[in-house]
Amino acid sequence: MRPKPDDLPQALQSVAGNPGLEFMLGLDLPFPIACASTPVLKPEEMAAIPFQPNFHATVLDLDNKEDCEEYERVMGYHAAGYGMRIVHLERLLVSKIKTVQGKKVRRKVRRIFLEYFAPYRVFPQQ
């Protein structure tokens, strides 16, 4: 199965768009495979393919729609069980100050600091 890059966390979007990222269904593999086309290998040979750890760090403000969508993509991918590991997850309430009609307005916003590994296997080109 080849997902659209927009459906994946930021750490995997460039991998999915350039060489292609395949999720092998029916096989017990902990990581997806980056390849141009689906490799024809036995399951024991797939375990020998090297993997790329792919670390990513981001700061998300949940008052921003794009950041909310990214947070949902990351957590959905993590829950799917593709070998992603969250290294650091911190949620803070921060005050944002905006000037509206000459007045300073404060809003409390939840900010999320997120660092994670989203590994994938790299199929060698032949």
PDB file of N, CA and C in Angstrom:
ATOM      1  N   MET A   1       0.850  -1.162   0.000  1.00  0.00           N
ATOM      2  CA  MET A   1       0.000   0.000   0.000  1.00  0.00           C
ATOM      3  C   MET A   1       0.900   1.231   0.000  1.00  0.00           C
ATOM      4  N   ARG A   2       0.641   2.156  -0.906  1.00  0.00           N
ATOM      5  CA  ARG A   2       1.430   3.381  -0.989  1.00  0.00           C
ATOM      6  C   ARG A   2       0.546   4.564  -0.595  1.00  0.00           C
ATOM      7  N   PRO A   3       0.807   5.178   0.578  1.00  0.00           N
ATOM      8  CA  PRO A   3      -0.030   6.297   1.029  1.00  0.00           C
ATOM      9  C   PRO A   3       0.347   7.600   0.322  1.00  0.00           C
ATOM     10  N   LYS A   4      -0.562   8.559   0.354  1.00  0.00           N
ATOM     11  CA  LYS A   4      -0.269   9.897  -0.151  1.00  0.00           C
ATOM     12  C   LYS A   4       0.635  10.595   0.866  1.00  0.00           C
ATOM     13  N   PRO A   5       1.613  11.383   0.406  1.00  0.00           N
ATOM     14  CA  PRO A   5       2.502  12.072   1.354  1.00  0.00           C
ATOM     15  C   PRO A   5       1.755  12.961   2.345  1.00  0.00           C
ATOM     16  N   ASP A   6       0.618  13.537   1.947  1.00  0.00           N
ATOM     17  CA  ASP A   6      -0.129  14.417   2.850  1.00  0.00           C
ATOM     18  C   ASP A   6      -0.752  13.664   4.021  1.00  0.00           C
ATOM     19  N   ASP A   7      -0.863  12.343   3.926  1.00  0.00           N
ATOM     20  CA  ASP A   7      -1.456  11.548   5.001  1.00  0.00           C
ATOM     21  C   ASP A   7      -0.437  11.132   6.053  1.00  0.00           C
ATOM     22  N   LEU A   8       0.840  11.435   5.817  1.00  0.00           N
ATOM     23  CA  LEU A   8       1.914  10.993   6.710  1.00  0.00           C
ATOM     24  C   LEU A   8       2.458  12.155   7.541  1.00  0.00           C
ATOM     25  N   PRO A   9       3.107  11.858   8.662  1.00  0.00           N
ATOM     26  CA  PRO A   9       3.773  12.911   9.437  1.00  0.00           C
ATOM     27  C   PRO A   9       4.860  13.596   8.603  1.00  0.00           C
ATOM     28  N   GLN A  10       5.254  14.796   8.990  1.00  0.00           N
ATOM     29  CA  GLN A  10       6.256  15.566   8.248  1.00  0.00           C
ATOM     30  C   GLN A  10       7.563  14.803   8.057  1.00  0.00           C
ATOM     31  N   ALA A  11       7.939  13.996   9.031  1.00  0.00           N
ATOM     32  CA  ALA A  11       9.197  13.264   8.945  1.00  0.00           C
ATOM     33  C   ALA A  11       9.216  12.290   7.770  1.00  0.00           C
ATOM     34  N   LEU A  12       8.059  11.834   7.319  1.00  0.00           N
ATOM     35  CA  LEU A  12       8.004  10.836   6.246  1.00  0.00           C
ATOM     36  C   LEU A  12       7.479  11.388   4.925  1.00  0.00           C
ATOM     37  N   GLN A  13       7.078  12.644   4.866  1.00  0.00           N
ATOM     38  CA  GLN A  13       6.491  13.171   3.641  1.00  0.00           C
ATOM     39  C   GLN A  13       7.481  13.209   2.484  1.00  0.00           C
ATOM     40  N   SER A  14       8.728  13.623   2.731  1.00  0.00           N
ATOM     41  CA  SER A  14       9.711  13.666   1.644  1.00  0.00           C
ATOM     42  C   SER A  14      10.082  12.263   1.178  1.00  0.00           C
ATOM     43  N   VAL A  15      10.095  11.313   2.094  1.00  0.00           N
ATOM     44  CA  VAL A  15      10.407   9.921   1.741  1.00  0.00           C
ATOM     45  C   VAL A  15       9.286   9.338   0.885  1.00  0.00           C
ATOM     46  N   ALA A  16       8.059   9.640   1.219  1.00  0.00           N
ATOM     47  CA  ALA A  16       6.920   9.103   0.478  1.00  0.00           C
ATOM     48  C   ALA A  16       6.805   9.733  -0.899  1.00  0.00           C
ATOM     49  N   GLY A  17       7.223  10.987  -1.039  1.00  0.00           N
ATOM     50  CA  GLY A  17       7.093  11.668  -2.318  1.00  0.00           C
ATOM     51  C   GLY A  17       8.197  11.341  -3.299  1.00  0.00           C
ATOM     52  N   ASN A  18       9.432  11.130  -2.820  1.00  0.00           N
ATOM     53  CA  ASN A  18      10.554  10.940  -3.717  1.00  0.00           C
ATOM     54  C   ASN A  18      10.724   9.478  -4.150  1.00  0.00           C
ATOM     55  N   PRO A  19      11.246   8.569  -3.326  1.00  0.00           N
ATOM     56  CA  PRO A  19      11.389   7.195  -3.789  1.00  0.00           C
ATOM     57  C   PRO A  19      10.120   6.371  -3.632  1.00  0.00           C
ATOM     58  N   GLY A  20       9.200   6.805  -2.797  1.00  0.00           N
ATOM     59  CA  GLY A  20       7.980   6.031  -2.544  1.00  0.00           C
ATOM     60  C   GLY A  20       8.109   5.262  -1.245  1.00  0.00           C
ATOM     61  N   LEU A  21       7.050   5.221  -0.499  1.00  0.00           N
ATOM     62  CA  LEU A  21       7.035   4.520   0.773  1.00  0.00           C
ATOM     63  C   LEU A  21       5.927   3.494   0.719  1.00  0.00           C
ATOM     64  N   GLU A  22       6.275   2.241   0.876  1.00  0.00           N
ATOM     65  CA  GLU A  22       5.312   1.146   0.785  1.00  0.00           C
ATOM     66  C   GLU A  22       5.053   0.575   2.177  1.00  0.00           C
ATOM     67  N   PHE A  23       3.798   0.317   2.466  1.00  0.00           N
ATOM     68  CA  PHE A  23       3.424  -0.394   3.682  1.00  0.00           C
ATOM     69  C   PHE A  23       3.000  -1.784   3.254  1.00  0.00           C
ATOM     70  N   MET A  24       3.795  -2.770   3.613  1.00  0.00           N
ATOM     71  CA  MET A  24       3.537  -4.147   3.194  1.00  0.00           C
ATOM     72  C   MET A  24       2.461  -4.742   4.084  1.00  0.00           C
ATOM     73  N   LEU A  25       1.336  -5.029   3.511  1.00  0.00           N
ATOM     74  CA  LEU A  25       0.224  -5.593   4.266  1.00  0.00           C
ATOM     75  C   LEU A  25       0.373  -7.107   4.353  1.00  0.00           C
ATOM     76  N   GLY A  26      -0.003  -7.664   5.475  1.00  0.00           N
ATOM     77  CA  GLY A  26       0.039  -9.110   5.652  1.00  0.00           C
ATOM     78  C   GLY A  26       1.378  -9.641   6.130  1.00  0.00           C
ATOM     79  N   LEU A  27       2.398  -8.812   6.166  1.00  0.00           N
ATOM     80  CA  LEU A  27       3.707  -9.235   6.656  1.00  0.00           C
ATOM     81  C   LEU A  27       3.945  -8.614   8.021  1.00  0.00           C
ATOM     82  N   ASP A  28       4.686  -9.312   8.845  1.00  0.00           N
ATOM     83  CA  ASP A  28       4.961  -8.828  10.191  1.00  0.00           C
ATOM     84  C   ASP A  28       6.256  -8.016  10.169  1.00  0.00           C
ATOM     85  N   LEU A  29       6.204  -6.809   9.589  1.00  0.00           N
ATOM     86  CA  LEU A  29       7.374  -5.944   9.513  1.00  0.00           C
ATOM     87  C   LEU A  29       7.162  -4.725  10.395  1.00  0.00           C
ATOM     88  N   PRO A  30       8.160  -4.358  11.190  1.00  0.00           N
ATOM     89  CA  PRO A  30       7.972  -3.213  12.085  1.00  0.00           C
ATOM     90  C   PRO A  30       8.072  -1.861  11.385  1.00  0.00           C
ATOM     91  N   PHE A  31       8.643  -1.795  10.169  1.00  0.00           N
ATOM     92  CA  PHE A  31       8.830  -0.512   9.506  1.00  0.00           C
ATOM     93  C   PHE A  31       8.313  -0.579   8.077  1.00  0.00           C
ATOM     94  N   PRO A  32       7.830   0.548   7.534  1.00  0.00           N
ATOM     95  CA  PRO A  32       7.511   0.595   6.108  1.00  0.00           C
ATOM     96  C   PRO A  32       8.802   0.548   5.290  1.00  0.00           C
ATOM     97  N   ILE A  33       8.683   0.368   3.984  1.00  0.00           N
ATOM     98  CA  ILE A  33       9.846   0.243   3.110  1.00  0.00           C
ATOM     99  C   ILE A  33       9.831   1.369   2.084  1.00  0.00           C
ATOM    100  N   ALA A  34      10.969   2.053   1.921  1.00  0.00           N
ATOM    101  CA  ALA A  34      11.116   3.077   0.895  1.00  0.00           C
ATOM    102  C   ALA A  34      11.686   2.414  -0.349  1.00  0.00           C
ATOM    103  N   CYS A  35      10.921   2.429  -1.437  1.00  0.00           N
ATOM    104  CA  CYS A  35      11.358   1.781  -2.666  1.00  0.00           C
ATOM    105  C   CYS A  35      10.577   2.362  -3.843  1.00  0.00           C
ATOM    106  N   ALA A  36      11.109   2.162  -5.048  1.00  0.00           N
ATOM    107  CA  ALA A  36      10.434   2.648  -6.248  1.00  0.00           C
ATOM    108  C   ALA A  36       9.267   1.739  -6.607  1.00  0.00           C
ATOM    109  N   SER A  37       9.413   0.448  -6.360  1.00  0.00           N
ATOM    110  CA  SER A  37       8.325  -0.503  -6.606  1.00  0.00           C
ATOM    111  C   SER A  37       8.388  -1.572  -5.524  1.00  0.00           C
ATOM    112  N   THR A  38       7.305  -2.264  -5.335  1.00  0.00           N
ATOM    113  CA  THR A  38       7.229  -3.271  -4.276  1.00  0.00           C
ATOM    114  C   THR A  38       8.246  -4.380  -4.517  1.00  0.00           C
ATOM    115  N   PRO A  39       9.152  -4.606  -3.570  1.00  0.00           N
ATOM    116  CA  PRO A  39      10.145  -5.659  -3.745  1.00  0.00           C
ATOM    117  C   PRO A  39       9.517  -7.046  -3.592  1.00  0.00           C
ATOM    118  N   VAL A  40      10.080  -8.005  -4.318  1.00  0.00           N
ATOM    119  CA  VAL A  40       9.621  -9.387  -4.205  1.00  0.00           C
ATOM    120  C   VAL A  40      10.685 -10.130  -3.399  1.00  0.00           C
ATOM    121  N   LEU A  41      10.457 -10.200  -2.103  1.00  0.00           N
ATOM    122  CA  LEU A  41      11.396 -10.855  -1.200  1.00  0.00           C
ATOM    123  C   LEU A  41      10.635 -11.733  -0.225  1.00  0.00           C
ATOM    124  N   LYS A  42      11.328 -12.709   0.307  1.00  0.00           N
ATOM    125  CA  LYS A  42      10.755 -13.528   1.365  1.00  0.00           C
ATOM    126  C   LYS A  42      10.772 -12.721   2.664  1.00  0.00           C
ATOM    127  N   PRO A  43       9.852 -13.009   3.596  1.00  0.00           N
ATOM    128  CA  PRO A  43       9.822 -12.243   4.860  1.00  0.00           C
ATOM    129  C   PRO A  43      11.146 -12.257   5.616  1.00  0.00           C
ATOM    130  N   GLU A  44      11.873 -13.371   5.590  1.00  0.00           N
ATOM    131  CA  GLU A  44      13.147 -13.409   6.310  1.00  0.00           C
ATOM    132  C   GLU A  44      14.198 -12.525   5.627  1.00  0.00           C
ATOM    133  N   GLU A  45      14.081 -12.307   4.308  1.00  0.00           N
ATOM    134  CA  GLU A  45      14.997 -11.410   3.611  1.00  0.00           C
ATOM    135  C   GLU A  45      14.657  -9.938   3.904  1.00  0.00           C
ATOM    136  N   MET A  46      13.383  -9.648   4.129  1.00  0.00           N
ATOM    137  CA  MET A  46      12.965  -8.275   4.421  1.00  0.00           C
ATOM    138  C   MET A  46      13.573  -7.785   5.727  1.00  0.00           C
ATOM    139  N   ALA A  47      13.734  -8.667   6.695  1.00  0.00           N
ATOM    140  CA  ALA A  47      14.294  -8.271   7.986  1.00  0.00           C
ATOM    141  C   ALA A  47      15.752  -7.829   7.852  1.00  0.00           C
ATOM    142  N   ALA A  48      16.430  -8.246   6.786  1.00  0.00           N
ATOM    143  CA  ALA A  48      17.831  -7.894   6.593  1.00  0.00           C
ATOM    144  C   ALA A  48      18.007  -6.540   5.910  1.00  0.00           C
ATOM    145  N   ILE A  49      16.945  -5.942   5.403  1.00  0.00           N
ATOM    146  CA  ILE A  49      17.050  -4.639   4.740  1.00  0.00           C
ATOM    147  C   ILE A  49      17.363  -3.584   5.806  1.00  0.00           C
ATOM    148  N   PRO A  50      18.386  -2.749   5.581  1.00  0.00           N
ATOM    149  CA  PRO A  50      18.735  -1.742   6.601  1.00  0.00           C
ATOM    150  C   PRO A  50      17.626  -0.702   6.765  1.00  0.00           C
ATOM    151  N   PHE A  51      17.555  -0.098   7.950  1.00  0.00           N
ATOM    152  CA  PHE A  51      16.532   0.914   8.158  1.00  0.00           C
ATOM    153  C   PHE A  51      17.149   2.270   8.475  1.00  0.00           C
ATOM    154  N   GLN A  52      16.411   3.302   8.137  1.00  0.00           N
ATOM    155  CA  GLN A  52      16.798   4.690   8.365  1.00  0.00           C
ATOM    156  C   GLN A  52      16.026   5.200   9.564  1.00  0.00           C
ATOM    157  N   PRO A  53      16.686   5.698  10.638  1.00  0.00           N
ATOM    158  CA  PRO A  53      15.950   6.097  11.842  1.00  0.00           C
ATOM    159  C   PRO A  53      15.070   7.335  11.677  1.00  0.00           C
ATOM    160  N   ASN A  54      15.483   8.362  10.918  1.00  0.00           N
ATOM    161  CA  ASN A  54      14.625   9.493  10.553  1.00  0.00           C
ATOM    162  C   ASN A  54      14.049  10.252  11.747  1.00  0.00           C
ATOM    163  N   PHE A  55      14.896  11.021  12.433  1.00  0.00           N
ATOM    164  CA  PHE A  55      14.495  11.812  13.590  1.00  0.00           C
ATOM    165  C   PHE A  55      13.838  13.113  13.137  1.00  0.00           C
ATOM    166  N   HIS A  56      12.801  13.556  13.867  1.00  0.00           N
ATOM    167  CA  HIS A  56      12.121  14.819  13.547  1.00  0.00           C
ATOM    168  C   HIS A  56      11.687  15.485  14.842  1.00  0.00           C
ATOM    169  N   ALA A  57      11.870  16.810  14.904  1.00  0.00           N
ATOM    170  CA  ALA A  57      11.431  17.594  16.065  1.00  0.00           C
ATOM    171  C   ALA A  57      10.557  18.733  15.560  1.00  0.00           C
ATOM    172  N   THR A  58       9.483  19.019  16.289  1.00  0.00           N
ATOM    173  CA  THR A  58       8.564  20.074  15.869  1.00  0.00           C
ATOM    174  C   THR A  58       7.898  20.711  17.085  1.00  0.00           C
ATOM    175  N   VAL A  59       7.460  21.946  16.897  1.00  0.00           N
ATOM    176  CA  VAL A  59       6.691  22.668  17.913  1.00  0.00           C
ATOM    177  C   VAL A  59       5.343  22.998  17.285  1.00  0.00           C
ATOM    178  N   LEU A  60       4.274  22.582  17.937  1.00  0.00           N
ATOM    179  CA  LEU A  60       2.931  22.755  17.400  1.00  0.00           C
ATOM    180  C   LEU A  60       2.092  23.604  18.341  1.00  0.00           C
ATOM    181  N   ASP A  61       1.422  24.601  17.796  1.00  0.00           N
ATOM    182  CA  ASP A  61       0.465  25.413  18.552  1.00  0.00           C
ATOM    183  C   ASP A  61      -0.934  24.963  18.151  1.00  0.00           C
ATOM    184  N   LEU A  62      -1.719  24.530  19.113  1.00  0.00           N
ATOM    185  CA  LEU A  62      -3.006  23.940  18.778  1.00  0.00           C
ATOM    186  C   LEU A  62      -4.100  24.958  18.472  1.00  0.00           C
ATOM    187  N   ASP A  63      -3.760  26.250  18.409  1.00  0.00           N
ATOM    188  CA  ASP A  63      -4.720  27.222  17.895  1.00  0.00           C
ATOM    189  C   ASP A  63      -4.596  27.356  16.378  1.00  0.00           C
ATOM    190  N   ASN A  64      -3.597  26.717  15.809  1.00  0.00           N
ATOM    191  CA  ASN A  64      -3.355  26.732  14.368  1.00  0.00           C
ATOM    192  C   ASN A  64      -3.915  25.442  13.754  1.00  0.00           C
ATOM    193  N   LYS A  65      -4.741  25.556  12.731  1.00  0.00           N
ATOM    194  CA  LYS A  65      -5.397  24.387  12.132  1.00  0.00           C
ATOM    195  C   LYS A  65      -4.390  23.395  11.550  1.00  0.00           C
ATOM    196  N   GLU A  66      -3.356  23.897  10.861  1.00  0.00           N
ATOM    197  CA  GLU A  66      -2.353  23.004  10.263  1.00  0.00           C
ATOM    198  C   GLU A  66      -1.586  22.235  11.334  1.00  0.00           C
ATOM    199  N   ASP A  67      -1.282  22.893  12.447  1.00  0.00           N
ATOM    200  CA  ASP A  67      -0.578  22.223  13.543  1.00  0.00           C
ATOM    201  C   ASP A  67      -1.451  21.147  14.182  1.00  0.00           C
ATOM    202  N   CYS A  68      -2.753  21.417  14.306  1.00  0.00           N
ATOM    203  CA  CYS A  68      -3.673  20.401  14.845  1.00  0.00           C
ATOM    204  C   CYS A  68      -3.719  19.178  13.942  1.00  0.00           C
ATOM    205  N   GLU A  69      -3.768  19.421  12.618  1.00  0.00           N
ATOM    206  CA  GLU A  69      -3.800  18.305  11.667  1.00  0.00           C
ATOM    207  C   GLU A  69      -2.505  17.503  11.717  1.00  0.00           C
ATOM    208  N   GLU A  70      -1.364  18.179  11.836  1.00  0.00           N
ATOM    209  CA  GLU A  70      -0.080  17.490  11.934  1.00  0.00           C
ATOM    210  C   GLU A  70      -0.009  16.653  13.211  1.00  0.00           C
ATOM    211  N   TYR A  71      -0.491  17.196  14.312  1.00  0.00           N
ATOM    212  CA  TYR A  71      -0.506  16.452  15.577  1.00  0.00           C
ATOM    213  C   TYR A  71      -1.366  15.193  15.444  1.00  0.00           C
ATOM    214  N   GLU A  72      -2.512  15.302  14.801  1.00  0.00           N
ATOM    215  CA  GLU A  72      -3.377  14.139  14.593  1.00  0.00           C
ATOM    216  C   GLU A  72      -2.719  13.112  13.674  1.00  0.00           C
ATOM    217  N   ARG A  73      -2.002  13.573  12.623  1.00  0.00           N
ATOM    218  CA  ARG A  73      -1.298  12.639  11.729  1.00  0.00           C
ATOM    219  C   ARG A  73      -0.212  11.885  12.482  1.00  0.00           C
ATOM    220  N   VAL A  74       0.577  12.621  13.290  1.00  0.00           N
ATOM    221  CA  VAL A  74       1.676  11.993  14.032  1.00  0.00           C
ATOM    222  C   VAL A  74       1.135  10.973  15.020  1.00  0.00           C
ATOM    223  N   MET A  75       0.129  11.346  15.787  1.00  0.00           N
ATOM    224  CA  MET A  75      -0.415  10.429  16.787  1.00  0.00           C
ATOM    225  C   MET A  75      -1.146   9.249  16.143  1.00  0.00           C
ATOM    226  N   GLY A  76      -1.782   9.469  15.026  1.00  0.00           N
ATOM    227  CA  GLY A  76      -2.420   8.370  14.306  1.00  0.00           C
ATOM    228  C   GLY A  76      -1.396   7.385  13.770  1.00  0.00           C
ATOM    229  N   TYR A  77      -0.289   7.909  13.243  1.00  0.00           N
ATOM    230  CA  TYR A  77       0.782   7.060  12.738  1.00  0.00           C
ATOM    231  C   TYR A  77       1.416   6.280  13.883  1.00  0.00           C
ATOM    232  N   HIS A  78       1.600   6.952  15.015  1.00  0.00           N
ATOM    233  CA  HIS A  78       2.172   6.284  16.193  1.00  0.00           C
ATOM    234  C   HIS A  78       1.253   5.154  16.670  1.00  0.00           C
ATOM    235  N   ALA A  79      -0.037   5.398  16.691  1.00  0.00           N
ATOM    236  CA  ALA A  79      -0.992   4.383  17.146  1.00  0.00           C
ATOM    237  C   ALA A  79      -1.108   3.225  16.173  1.00  0.00           C
ATOM    238  N   ALA A  80      -0.770   3.445  14.894  1.00  0.00           N
ATOM    239  CA  ALA A  80      -0.886   2.392  13.886  1.00  0.00           C
ATOM    240  C   ALA A  80       0.156   1.293  14.064  1.00  0.00           C
ATOM    241  N   GLY A  81       1.237   1.563  14.795  1.00  0.00           N
ATOM    242  CA  GLY A  81       2.215   0.528  15.101  1.00  0.00           C
ATOM    243  C   GLY A  81       3.246   0.277  14.016  1.00  0.00           C
ATOM    244  N   TYR A  82       3.710   1.334  13.335  1.00  0.00           N
ATOM    245  CA  TYR A  82       4.718   1.172  12.281  1.00  0.00           C
ATOM    246  C   TYR A  82       6.131   1.370  12.790  1.00  0.00           C
ATOM    247  N   GLY A  83       6.369   1.221  14.073  1.00  0.00           N
ATOM    248  CA  GLY A  83       7.714   1.307  14.617  1.00  0.00           C
ATOM    249  C   GLY A  83       8.131   2.710  15.016  1.00  0.00           C
ATOM    250  N   MET A  84       7.208   3.658  14.994  1.00  0.00           N
ATOM    251  CA  MET A  84       7.535   5.020  15.401  1.00  0.00           C
ATOM    252  C   MET A  84       7.740   5.071  16.914  1.00  0.00           C
ATOM    253  N   ARG A  85       8.722   5.868  17.338  1.00  0.00           N
ATOM    254  CA  ARG A  85       8.998   5.998  18.757  1.00  0.00           C
ATOM    255  C   ARG A  85       9.029   7.475  19.129  1.00  0.00           C
ATOM    256  N   ILE A  86       8.221   7.873  20.091  1.00  0.00           N
ATOM    257  CA  ILE A  86       8.206   9.253  20.565  1.00  0.00           C
ATOM    258  C   ILE A  86       9.291   9.397  21.616  1.00  0.00           C
ATOM    259  N   VAL A  87      10.225  10.324  21.370  1.00  0.00           N
ATOM    260  CA  VAL A  87      11.342  10.546  22.274  1.00  0.00           C
ATOM    261  C   VAL A  87      10.964  11.558  23.344  1.00  0.00           C
ATOM    262  N   HIS A  88      10.287  12.632  22.935  1.00  0.00           N
ATOM    263  CA  HIS A  88       9.918  13.692  23.871  1.00  0.00           C
ATOM    264  C   HIS A  88       8.564  14.252  23.468  1.00  0.00           C
ATOM    265  N   LEU A  89       7.663  14.336  24.435  1.00  0.00           N
ATOM    266  CA  LEU A  89       6.346  14.930  24.215  1.00  0.00           C
ATOM    267  C   LEU A  89       6.031  15.775  25.433  1.00  0.00           C
ATOM    268  N   GLU A  90       5.910  17.074  25.203  1.00  0.00           N
ATOM    269  CA  GLU A  90       5.633  17.994  26.307  1.00  0.00           C
ATOM    270  C   GLU A  90       4.515  18.927  25.893  1.00  0.00           C
ATOM    271  N   ARG A  91       3.522  19.051  26.766  1.00  0.00           N
ATOM    272  CA  ARG A  91       2.401  19.945  26.505  1.00  0.00           C
ATOM    273  C   ARG A  91       2.450  21.078  27.525  1.00  0.00           C
ATOM    274  N   LEU A  92       2.402  22.314  27.026  1.00  0.00           N
ATOM    275  CA  LEU A  92       2.424  23.484  27.894  1.00  0.00           C
ATOM    276  C   LEU A  92       1.300  24.431  27.507  1.00  0.00           C
ATOM    277  N   LEU A  93       0.817  25.182  28.477  1.00  0.00           N
ATOM    278  CA  LEU A  93      -0.092  26.281  28.186  1.00  0.00           C
ATOM    279  C   LEU A  93       0.747  27.549  28.134  1.00  0.00           C
ATOM    280  N   VAL A  94       0.684  28.254  27.023  1.00  0.00           N
ATOM    281  CA  VAL A  94       1.439  29.487  26.866  1.00  0.00           C
ATOM    282  C   VAL A  94       0.467  30.631  26.594  1.00  0.00           C
ATOM    283  N   SER A  95       0.880  31.834  26.933  1.00  0.00           N
ATOM    284  CA  SER A  95       0.068  33.022  26.661  1.00  0.00           C
ATOM    285  C   SER A  95       0.549  33.663  25.373  1.00  0.00           C
ATOM    286  N   LYS A  96      -0.363  33.849  24.455  1.00  0.00           N
ATOM    287  CA  LYS A  96      -0.058  34.563  23.227  1.00  0.00           C
ATOM    288  C   LYS A  96      -0.661  35.946  23.345  1.00  0.00           C
ATOM    289  N   ILE A  97       0.127  36.952  22.993  1.00  0.00           N
ATOM    290  CA  ILE A  97      -0.341  38.335  23.082  1.00  0.00           C
ATOM    291  C   ILE A  97      -0.499  38.875  21.670  1.00  0.00           C
ATOM    292  N   LYS A  98      -1.708  39.338  21.348  1.00  0.00           N
ATOM    293  CA  LYS A  98      -1.994  39.956  20.061  1.00  0.00           C
ATOM    294  C   LYS A  98      -2.493  41.367  20.313  1.00  0.00           C
ATOM    295  N   THR A  99      -2.251  42.246  19.348  1.00  0.00           N
ATOM    296  CA  THR A  99      -2.783  43.597  19.423  1.00  0.00           C
ATOM    297  C   THR A  99      -4.000  43.674  18.502  1.00  0.00           C
ATOM    298  N   VAL A 100      -5.162  43.911  19.086  1.00  0.00           N
ATOM    299  CA  VAL A 100      -6.410  44.002  18.342  1.00  0.00           C
ATOM    300  C   VAL A 100      -7.017  45.371  18.625  1.00  0.00           C
ATOM    301  N   GLN A 101      -7.135  46.163  17.574  1.00  0.00           N
ATOM    302  CA  GLN A 101      -7.693  47.512  17.675  1.00  0.00           C
ATOM    303  C   GLN A 101      -6.996  48.330  18.760  1.00  0.00           C
ATOM    304  N   GLY A 102      -5.678  48.229  18.806  1.00  0.00           N
ATOM    305  CA  GLY A 102      -4.894  49.007  19.748  1.00  0.00           C
ATOM    306  C   GLY A 102      -4.833  48.445  21.161  1.00  0.00           C
ATOM    307  N   LYS A 103      -5.514  47.361  21.425  1.00  0.00           N
ATOM    308  CA  LYS A 103      -5.494  46.751  22.750  1.00  0.00           C
ATOM    309  C   LYS A 103      -4.721  45.442  22.708  1.00  0.00           C
ATOM    310  N   LYS A 104      -4.027  45.160  23.793  1.00  0.00           N
ATOM    311  CA  LYS A 104      -3.330  43.875  23.902  1.00  0.00           C
ATOM    312  C   LYS A 104      -4.303  42.829  24.419  1.00  0.00           C
ATOM    313  N   VAL A 105      -4.388  41.739  23.696  1.00  0.00           N
ATOM    314  CA  VAL A 105      -5.279  40.641  24.064  1.00  0.00           C
ATOM    315  C   VAL A 105      -4.433  39.401  24.325  1.00  0.00           C
ATOM    316  N   ARG A 106      -4.638  38.789  25.469  1.00  0.00           N
ATOM    317  CA  ARG A 106      -3.912  37.552  25.824  1.00  0.00           C
ATOM    318  C   ARG A 106      -4.821  36.353  25.633  1.00  0.00           C
ATOM    319  N   ARG A 107      -4.242  35.313  25.090  1.00  0.00           N
ATOM    320  CA  ARG A 107      -4.967  34.050  24.936  1.00  0.00           C
ATOM    321  C   ARG A 107      -4.077  32.924  25.412  1.00  0.00           C
ATOM    322  N   LYS A 108      -4.659  31.988  26.111  1.00  0.00           N
ATOM    323  CA  LYS A 108      -3.931  30.781  26.514  1.00  0.00           C
ATOM    324  C   LYS A 108      -4.053  29.774  25.377  1.00  0.00           C
ATOM    325  N   VAL A 109      -2.918  29.229  24.979  1.00  0.00           N
ATOM    326  CA  VAL A 109      -2.870  28.277  23.874  1.00  0.00           C
ATOM    327  C   VAL A 109      -2.042  27.083  24.312  1.00  0.00           C
ATOM    328  N   ARG A 110      -2.472  25.892  23.910  1.00  0.00           N
ATOM    329  CA  ARG A 110      -1.685  24.705  24.226  1.00  0.00           C
ATOM    330  C   ARG A 110      -0.605  24.550  23.166  1.00  0.00           C
ATOM    331  N   ARG A 111       0.643  24.489  23.605  1.00  0.00           N
ATOM    332  CA  ARG A 111       1.793  24.301  22.717  1.00  0.00           C
ATOM    333  C   ARG A 111       2.375  22.921  23.001  1.00  0.00           C
ATOM    334  N   ILE A 112       2.703  22.214  21.942  1.00  0.00           N
ATOM    335  CA  ILE A 112       3.229  20.855  22.069  1.00  0.00           C
ATOM    336  C   ILE A 112       4.628  20.801  21.468  1.00  0.00           C
ATOM    337  N   PHE A 113       5.573  20.320  22.254  1.00  0.00           N
ATOM    338  CA  PHE A 113       6.931  20.077  21.792  1.00  0.00           C
ATOM    339  C   PHE A 113       7.046  18.575  21.564  1.00  0.00           C
ATOM    340  N   LEU A 114       7.368  18.186  20.343  1.00  0.00           N
ATOM    341  CA  LEU A 114       7.327  16.774  19.969  1.00  0.00           C
ATOM    342  C   LEU A 114       8.602  16.401  19.229  1.00  0.00           C
ATOM    343  N   GLU A 115       9.261  15.354  19.699  1.00  0.00           N
ATOM    344  CA  GLU A 115      10.430  14.792  19.028  1.00  0.00           C
ATOM    345  C   GLU A 115      10.183  13.301  18.866  1.00  0.00           C
ATOM    346  N   TYR A 116      10.428  12.790  17.663  1.00  0.00           N
ATOM    347  CA  TYR A 116      10.137  11.379  17.415  1.00  0.00           C
ATOM    348  C   TYR A 116      11.027  10.802  16.319  1.00  0.00           C
ATOM    349  N   PHE A 117      11.159   9.474  16.356  1.00  0.00           N
ATOM    350  CA  PHE A 117      11.791   8.714  15.285  1.00  0.00           C
ATOM    351  C   PHE A 117      10.676   8.063  14.478  1.00  0.00           C
ATOM    352  N   ALA A 118      10.738   8.194  13.164  1.00  0.00           N
ATOM    353  CA  ALA A 118       9.796   7.512  12.280  1.00  0.00           C
ATOM    354  C   ALA A 118      10.627   6.679  11.305  1.00  0.00           C
ATOM    355  N   PRO A 119      11.094   5.513  11.734  1.00  0.00           N
ATOM    356  CA  PRO A 119      12.014   4.734  10.907  1.00  0.00           C
ATOM    357  C   PRO A 119      11.314   4.074   9.715  1.00  0.00           C
ATOM    358  N   TYR A 120      12.106   3.779   8.702  1.00  0.00           N
ATOM    359  CA  TYR A 120      11.616   3.038   7.541  1.00  0.00           C
ATOM    360  C   TYR A 120      12.781   2.238   6.980  1.00  0.00           C
ATOM    361  N   ARG A 121      12.475   1.164   6.329  1.00  0.00           N
ATOM    362  CA  ARG A 121      13.512   0.336   5.694  1.00  0.00           C
ATOM    363  C   ARG A 121      13.849   0.928   4.330  1.00  0.00           C
ATOM    364  N   VAL A 122      15.123   0.840   3.949  1.00  0.00           N
ATOM    365  CA  VAL A 122      15.579   1.372   2.667  1.00  0.00           C
ATOM    366  C   VAL A 122      15.926   0.194   1.762  1.00  0.00           C
ATOM    367  N   PHE A 123      15.114  -0.002   0.737  1.00  0.00           N
ATOM    368  CA  PHE A 123      15.343  -1.111  -0.193  1.00  0.00           C
ATOM    369  C   PHE A 123      16.414  -0.681  -1.181  1.00  0.00           C
ATOM    370  N   PRO A 124      17.529  -1.405  -1.292  1.00  0.00           N
ATOM    371  CA  PRO A 124      18.602  -0.992  -2.203  1.00  0.00           C
ATOM    372  C   PRO A 124      18.158  -1.096  -3.657  1.00  0.00           C
ATOM    373  N   GLN A 125      18.524  -0.100  -4.454  1.00  0.00           N
ATOM    374  CA  GLN A 125      18.193  -0.104  -5.883  1.00  0.00           C
ATOM    375  C   GLN A 125      19.096  -1.119  -6.589  1.00  0.00           C
ATOM    376  N   GLN A 126      18.514  -1.865  -7.495  1.00  0.00           N
ATOM    377  CA  GLN A 126      19.284  -2.888  -8.209  1.00  0.00           C
ATOM    378  C   GLN A 126      19.459  -2.516  -9.652  1.00  0.00           C
TER     379      GLN A 126
END
